[in-house]
Protein backbone atom coordinates (compact mmCIF):
# COMPACT_ATOMS: atom_id res chain seq x y z
CA MET A 1 124.30 -24.10 -82.44
CA SER A 2 120.97 -23.22 -81.16
CA SER A 3 120.55 -21.03 -77.79
CA THR A 4 117.49 -21.53 -75.67
CA LYS A 5 115.75 -17.83 -74.56
CA LYS A 6 115.87 -16.72 -71.24
CA ALA A 7 111.73 -16.74 -70.49
CA ARG A 8 111.11 -12.90 -69.01
CA ASN A 9 110.29 -13.31 -65.63
CA ALA A 10 107.78 -9.80 -64.88
CA LEU A 11 108.56 -8.35 -61.61
CA SER A 12 106.12 -7.76 -58.51
CA LEU A 13 106.06 -4.27 -57.33
CA LYS A 14 107.59 -5.20 -54.06
CA LYS A 15 110.50 -6.88 -56.18
CA LYS A 16 110.97 -4.00 -57.95
CA TYR A 17 111.56 -1.63 -54.71
CA GLU A 18 113.84 -4.21 -53.45
CA LEU A 19 115.83 -3.67 -56.76
CA ILE A 20 115.50 -0.06 -56.36
CA GLU A 21 116.87 -0.04 -52.97
CA MET A 22 119.84 -2.58 -53.42
CA ARG A 23 121.14 -0.24 -56.48
CA ASN A 24 120.58 3.03 -54.09
CA LYS A 25 122.62 1.13 -51.13
CA ASN A 26 124.74 0.23 -53.60
CA PRO A 27 125.42 2.66 -56.47
CA HIS A 28 128.18 0.63 -58.01
CA ILE A 29 126.25 -2.84 -58.84
CA THR A 30 125.50 -2.91 -62.73
CA SER A 31 122.71 -3.46 -64.40
CA ARG A 32 123.72 -7.17 -65.21
CA ILE A 33 124.30 -7.78 -61.84
CA LEU A 34 120.60 -6.70 -60.84
CA ALA A 35 119.56 -8.72 -63.85
CA ASP A 36 120.99 -12.04 -62.63
CA LYS A 37 119.98 -11.73 -59.20
CA PHE A 38 116.41 -10.91 -59.87
CA ASN A 39 115.88 -12.99 -62.81
CA CYS A 40 114.40 -10.78 -64.93
CA GLY A 41 116.50 -9.15 -68.37
CA LYS A 42 118.75 -6.11 -68.48
CA THR A 43 116.28 -3.79 -69.88
CA GLN A 44 113.45 -4.05 -67.25
CA VAL A 45 116.34 -3.25 -64.74
CA ASN A 46 117.21 -0.07 -66.57
CA THR A 47 113.17 0.76 -66.91
CA ILE A 48 112.78 0.04 -63.62
CA LEU A 49 115.64 2.59 -62.75
CA ALA A 50 114.26 5.04 -64.88
CA HIS A 51 111.06 4.99 -62.82
CA GLN A 52 112.18 4.61 -59.66
CA ASP A 53 110.37 7.86 -58.21
CA ASN A 54 106.58 6.49 -59.49
CA ILE A 55 107.62 2.84 -58.02
CA ARG A 56 108.75 3.97 -55.11
CA GLU A 57 105.79 6.10 -54.20
CA GLN A 58 103.17 3.37 -55.80
CA TYR A 59 104.73 0.92 -53.22
CA GLU A 60 105.08 3.34 -50.30
CA SER A 61 101.29 4.43 -50.92
CA ASN A 62 100.16 1.27 -50.53
CA ILE A 63 99.00 0.42 -53.59
CA SER A 64 98.94 -3.08 -54.36
CA ASN A 65 100.90 -6.48 -53.60
CA ASP A 66 103.05 -8.58 -54.75
CA SER A 67 100.54 -10.01 -57.91
CA VAL A 68 101.40 -6.41 -59.79
CA VAL A 69 103.27 -6.92 -62.62
CA LEU A 70 105.44 -4.62 -64.66
CA GLY A 71 102.91 -2.21 -66.61
CA LYS A 72 99.98 -3.49 -64.17
CA ARG A 73 98.24 -2.90 -61.76
CA SER A 74 96.56 -5.33 -59.28
CA ARG A 75 92.60 -5.59 -58.81
CA THR A 76 93.45 -6.80 -55.18
CA CYS A 77 94.73 -4.80 -52.29
CA GLU A 78 97.09 -5.40 -48.79
CA PHE A 79 94.63 -2.99 -47.62
CA GLY A 80 91.48 -4.16 -49.23
CA GLU A 81 90.05 -4.28 -45.61
CA ILE A 82 90.19 -0.66 -44.95
CA ASN A 83 89.25 0.70 -48.69
CA GLU A 84 85.82 -1.82 -48.15
CA LEU A 85 84.81 -0.14 -44.57
CA LEU A 86 85.32 3.22 -45.78
CA TYR A 87 83.52 2.54 -49.11
CA LYS A 88 80.60 1.47 -46.68
CA TRP A 89 81.17 4.54 -44.73
CA TYR A 90 81.18 7.30 -47.75
CA SER A 91 78.32 5.63 -48.39
CA ILE A 92 76.61 5.96 -45.35
CA ALA A 93 77.69 9.56 -45.77
CA THR A 94 76.44 10.49 -49.22
CA ALA A 95 73.29 8.90 -49.05
CA ARG A 96 72.79 11.57 -46.10
CA ASN A 97 73.75 13.92 -48.70
CA ILE A 98 76.93 14.60 -47.15
CA TYR A 99 80.05 14.02 -49.14
CA PRO A 100 83.82 14.19 -47.16
CA SER A 101 86.45 15.80 -48.49
CA GLY A 102 90.22 14.21 -49.10
CA PRO A 103 91.19 14.87 -45.10
CA GLN A 104 88.36 13.67 -44.20
CA LEU A 105 88.55 10.58 -46.05
CA CYS A 106 92.24 10.06 -44.96
CA GLU A 107 90.97 10.57 -41.08
CA LYS A 108 88.53 7.96 -41.70
CA ALA A 109 90.56 5.79 -43.21
CA ARG A 110 93.52 5.99 -40.38
CA LEU A 111 90.60 5.39 -37.65
CA ILE A 112 89.80 2.45 -39.27
CA ALA A 113 93.34 0.98 -39.83
CA GLU A 114 93.87 1.53 -36.03
CA GLN A 115 90.67 -0.36 -35.46
CA LEU A 116 91.97 -3.16 -37.21
CA SER A 117 95.66 -2.38 -35.72
CA PHE A 118 97.53 -1.62 -39.22
CA HIS A 119 100.24 -0.47 -37.82
CA ASN A 120 101.88 0.19 -41.27
CA PHE A 121 98.61 1.62 -43.34
CA LYS A 122 99.54 5.05 -44.40
CA ALA A 123 96.86 7.46 -45.83
CA SER A 124 99.12 9.28 -48.67
CA ASN A 125 97.72 11.45 -51.60
CA GLY A 126 98.79 8.14 -53.45
CA TRP A 127 96.61 5.86 -51.58
CA LEU A 128 93.72 8.26 -51.48
CA ASP A 129 94.07 8.40 -55.32
CA CYS A 130 93.69 5.23 -56.04
CA TRP A 131 91.27 4.72 -53.68
CA LYS A 132 89.04 6.92 -55.12
CA LYS A 133 90.00 5.24 -58.94
CA ARG A 134 88.74 1.86 -56.94
CA TYR A 135 85.71 3.36 -56.12
CA ASP A 136 85.06 5.57 -59.04
CA VAL A 137 85.01 8.56 -56.49
CA HIS A 138 85.29 12.39 -57.99
CA ARG A 139 85.83 15.34 -56.54
CA MET A 140 82.65 17.34 -57.36
CA LYS A 141 81.06 20.93 -56.30
CA VAL A 142 78.30 20.64 -53.79
CA CYS A 143 75.48 23.26 -54.15
CA GLY A 144 71.94 23.85 -54.64
CA GLU A 145 68.77 22.63 -52.64
CA SER A 146 67.57 19.42 -53.97
CA GLY A 147 68.97 17.48 -51.71
CA ASP A 148 66.87 18.85 -48.56
CA VAL A 149 63.57 17.52 -50.28
CA SER A 150 62.91 13.66 -50.66
CA GLY A 151 61.58 12.07 -53.47
CA GLU A 152 59.03 11.08 -51.64
CA THR A 153 58.05 14.43 -50.60
CA VAL A 154 58.21 15.53 -53.76
CA ASP A 155 55.77 12.93 -55.07
CA SER A 156 53.21 13.20 -52.12
CA TRP A 157 53.15 17.54 -52.15
CA LYS A 158 52.13 16.58 -56.51
CA GLU A 159 49.04 15.06 -55.95
CA GLN A 160 48.59 17.39 -53.02
CA LEU A 161 48.72 19.96 -54.96
CA LEU A 162 46.31 19.79 -57.55
CA GLU A 163 43.77 19.87 -54.67
CA LEU A 164 44.71 22.48 -53.43
CA VAL A 165 44.99 25.08 -56.32
CA HIS A 166 41.27 23.79 -57.99
CA GLY A 167 39.34 26.66 -58.65
CA TYR A 168 42.10 28.96 -59.24
CA SER A 169 43.25 29.74 -62.81
CA ALA A 170 46.83 29.32 -64.27
CA GLU A 171 46.88 33.46 -63.60
CA ASN A 172 45.88 33.26 -60.29
CA ILE A 173 48.78 30.65 -59.45
CA TRP A 174 52.05 32.08 -57.70
CA ASN A 175 55.39 30.95 -56.89
CA LEU A 176 58.06 32.77 -55.15
CA ASP A 177 61.58 32.02 -54.77
CA GLU A 178 64.79 34.24 -53.00
CA THR A 179 68.18 33.45 -53.96
CA GLY A 180 71.23 35.32 -52.17
CA CYS A 181 74.21 36.89 -55.00
CA PHE A 182 77.32 37.23 -52.92
CA TRP A 183 78.40 39.91 -55.40
CA ARG A 184 81.95 40.57 -54.19
CA ALA A 185 82.75 36.77 -54.32
CA LEU A 186 85.61 35.05 -56.54
CA PRO A 187 84.69 31.44 -58.56
CA GLU A 188 85.94 28.13 -56.22
CA TYR A 189 87.01 27.19 -59.25
CA GLY A 190 90.20 28.08 -61.31
CA PHE A 191 92.56 27.65 -63.76
CA GLY A 192 96.58 28.04 -62.86
CA LYS A 193 99.95 27.00 -64.40
CA LYS A 194 101.21 23.74 -63.77
CA GLY A 195 103.59 23.80 -60.71
CA SER A 196 102.19 27.35 -59.85
CA GLN A 197 100.19 27.67 -56.45
CA CYS A 198 96.69 29.19 -56.34
CA LYS A 199 96.29 30.62 -53.26
CA GLY A 200 92.85 32.54 -52.21
CA GLY A 201 92.25 35.12 -48.99
CA LYS A 202 88.52 35.20 -47.38
CA LYS A 203 85.52 34.71 -48.75
CA ALA A 204 83.75 38.10 -49.14
CA LYS A 205 80.46 38.32 -47.68
CA GLN A 206 79.13 41.15 -49.18
CA ARG A 207 75.53 39.90 -50.73
CA PHE A 208 72.20 40.35 -51.96
CA THR A 209 69.04 38.71 -51.67
CA ILE A 210 66.59 38.70 -55.00
CA CYS A 211 63.36 37.07 -54.81
CA PHE A 212 61.55 36.08 -58.17
CA ILE A 213 57.59 35.93 -58.51
CA ALA A 214 55.88 34.64 -61.18
CA ASN A 215 52.61 32.55 -61.96
CA ALA A 216 51.68 29.14 -63.78
CA ALA A 217 50.62 30.76 -67.08
CA GLY A 218 54.03 32.16 -67.39
CA GLY A 219 53.13 35.95 -66.16
CA LYS A 220 55.96 37.36 -63.95
CA GLU A 221 56.17 40.21 -61.61
CA VAL A 222 59.37 42.59 -61.29
CA ALA A 223 61.92 40.96 -58.91
CA CYS A 224 62.53 41.94 -55.56
CA VAL A 225 65.88 42.80 -54.03
CA ILE A 226 66.98 43.33 -50.25
CA TRP A 227 69.77 44.51 -49.57
CA LYS A 228 72.07 43.01 -46.48
């Protein structure tokens, strides 16, 4: 006697969410009944229930739509229009050397959703993580002054510099630059144990300025320190 093996039905994220809700509303319902109800295997039901917190967070964070199946994530998104408009705004900002923070991105996303009448949109941390992964956006520290000068300006000055220093020896071509040292400031990033809170106080303002002077031949003057 041969038996026909039942084809596996991989549930979408929405169906998994509905399964979890049904189980929570009816605690005494068995996995077998749920499997028959949603036309899937009992093992899949148990797996969904074991990971219900993560599944609920994904669903409520607007990560994906009905095309998401168990163990896989769809490349499409219910709020794709919001994501695209936010990325365009983000691209314009970064082109101007302005790097929005996480709360700023969430607030802008809320405004976009409001303009598009997406009343069920939630700019949660889960949604933000998904958006950053989708567009390959990472948290970075903004430092230095390289963004203050455009590449065209640099190329133009390279051409003019040859004319300005014409007739001077390398020993007589000097450059001065300055930097501030906040000598009591703590590092902005650090490592902490998982589950602990890394709290910081007010940033220390004590500083001094150092001027460095050097010539084109490699000669150096003693650094000048200005205390403030």
